[in-house]
Protein backbone atom coordinates (compact mmCIF):
# COMPACT_ATOMS: atom_id res chain seq x y z
CA MET A 1 77.51 75.43 108.58
CA THR A 2 79.07 75.88 105.69
CA PRO A 3 81.64 72.57 105.12
CA ARG A 4 85.57 74.22 105.13
CA PRO A 5 87.03 73.35 102.34
CA GLN A 6 90.44 70.31 102.87
CA ARG A 7 93.57 71.73 103.97
CA GLY A 8 96.30 71.42 101.25
CA LYS A 9 94.09 72.14 98.45
CA PRO A 10 94.21 76.02 97.66
CA LEU A 11 90.65 77.68 96.17
CA ARG A 12 90.47 79.79 93.32
CA ILE A 13 88.99 83.07 94.14
CA GLY A 14 89.21 84.98 90.76
CA GLY A 15 85.63 84.33 89.93
CA GLY A 16 84.37 84.18 92.99
CA VAL A 17 86.15 88.30 93.35
CA GLN A 18 84.80 88.49 90.03
CA ALA A 19 81.18 87.84 90.28
CA VAL A 20 81.04 90.42 93.46
CA LEU A 21 82.61 92.88 91.77
CA ARG A 22 79.57 92.84 89.42
CA GLU A 23 77.05 92.58 92.45
CA LEU A 24 78.64 95.29 93.70
CA GLY A 25 78.26 97.84 90.16
CA HIS A 26 81.61 97.73 89.17
CA ASP A 27 82.68 98.14 85.52
CA LEU A 28 84.76 94.45 85.10
CA ASN A 29 86.54 96.37 81.89
CA ALA A 30 87.20 99.67 84.27
CA PRO A 31 90.77 101.10 82.68
CA GLY A 32 92.19 100.47 86.46
CA LEU A 33 90.89 96.50 86.18
CA LEU A 34 92.18 95.52 83.13
CA ILE A 35 95.55 97.68 83.37
CA ALA A 36 96.11 95.63 86.87
CA ARG A 37 95.15 92.32 85.01
CA SER A 38 96.88 92.81 82.01
CA TRP A 39 100.37 94.68 83.77
CA PRO A 40 102.52 91.07 83.65
CA GLU A 41 102.32 91.17 80.14
CA LEU A 42 102.56 94.96 79.19
CA VAL A 43 105.96 95.08 81.32
CA GLY A 44 107.32 91.86 81.45
CA VAL A 45 106.94 88.89 84.58
CA ASP A 46 110.16 89.84 85.84
CA ALA A 47 109.21 94.42 85.95
CA ALA A 48 105.40 93.53 87.21
CA ARG A 49 106.84 91.45 90.09
CA HIS A 50 108.69 94.83 90.92
CA SER A 51 105.91 97.54 90.45
CA GLU A 52 102.55 97.72 90.45
CA PRO A 53 99.99 100.21 88.99
CA LEU A 54 98.31 102.29 91.52
CA GLY A 55 95.43 104.42 90.01
CA LEU A 56 94.38 106.19 86.51
CA SER A 57 93.71 109.98 86.99
CA ASP A 58 91.02 111.82 85.19
CA ALA A 59 93.73 113.37 83.15
CA GLY A 60 95.48 110.40 81.97
CA VAL A 61 98.25 109.49 84.41
CA LEU A 62 99.00 106.42 85.56
CA GLU A 63 100.42 105.81 88.28
CA VAL A 64 103.05 102.87 89.23
CA ARG A 65 105.07 102.56 92.45
CA ALA A 66 108.14 100.43 91.92
CA ASP A 67 110.09 98.34 94.85
CA SER A 68 113.64 99.52 93.63
CA PRO A 69 114.64 102.92 92.26
CA ALA A 70 116.58 100.76 89.18
CA TRP A 71 112.80 99.32 88.56
CA SER A 72 111.51 102.87 88.54
CA GLN A 73 113.83 103.56 86.08
CA HIS A 74 113.59 100.46 83.73
CA LEU A 75 110.03 101.38 83.49
CA LEU A 76 111.13 105.26 82.74
CA LEU A 77 112.65 103.71 79.92
CA ARG A 78 110.36 101.86 78.86
CA SER A 79 107.26 104.25 79.08
CA ASP A 80 106.72 104.25 75.51
CA GLU A 81 106.21 100.81 75.36
CA ILE A 82 104.08 100.40 78.04
CA LEU A 83 101.75 103.36 76.79
CA ASP A 84 101.50 102.30 73.65
CA GLY A 85 100.58 99.23 74.92
CA LEU A 86 98.33 100.55 77.23
CA ALA A 87 96.81 102.49 74.13
CA ARG A 88 95.91 99.27 72.66
CA LEU A 89 94.30 97.82 75.27
CA LEU A 90 92.25 100.83 76.41
CA ARG A 91 92.22 102.30 73.43
CA GLU A 92 90.47 106.16 74.04
CA ARG A 93 91.10 105.70 77.70
CA ARG A 94 94.44 104.80 77.47
CA PRO A 95 96.62 106.99 79.85
CA THR A 96 98.97 109.47 78.16
CA ARG A 97 101.93 109.48 80.91
CA LEU A 98 103.24 107.40 83.58
CA ARG A 99 104.15 109.22 86.97
CA LEU A 100 106.56 106.34 88.55
CA ARG A 101 106.91 106.05 92.30
CA VAL A 102 109.47 104.27 94.38
CA GLY A 103 108.36 102.39 97.66
């Protein structure tokens, strides 16, 4: 039987999750994973708390969900800046457009 972790001490699972993803054959440098990991730096911590990237289509459209119309508008107004940051991060695999939805 595996010993149980001590209560009150949070365990870091990031490294474990990455190891499992690698074992399953996932590319840890896939555009979607890179975008998700970099989202707070790309949009800012406050905007990242109120939004999340959902997926990147083969056509280069990044779908993003915002938790309110105000945050959706905020991201839309900053879309050129966000796309520029994504271009630096992903180079040729970058999205060319954001599709925002509220939900």
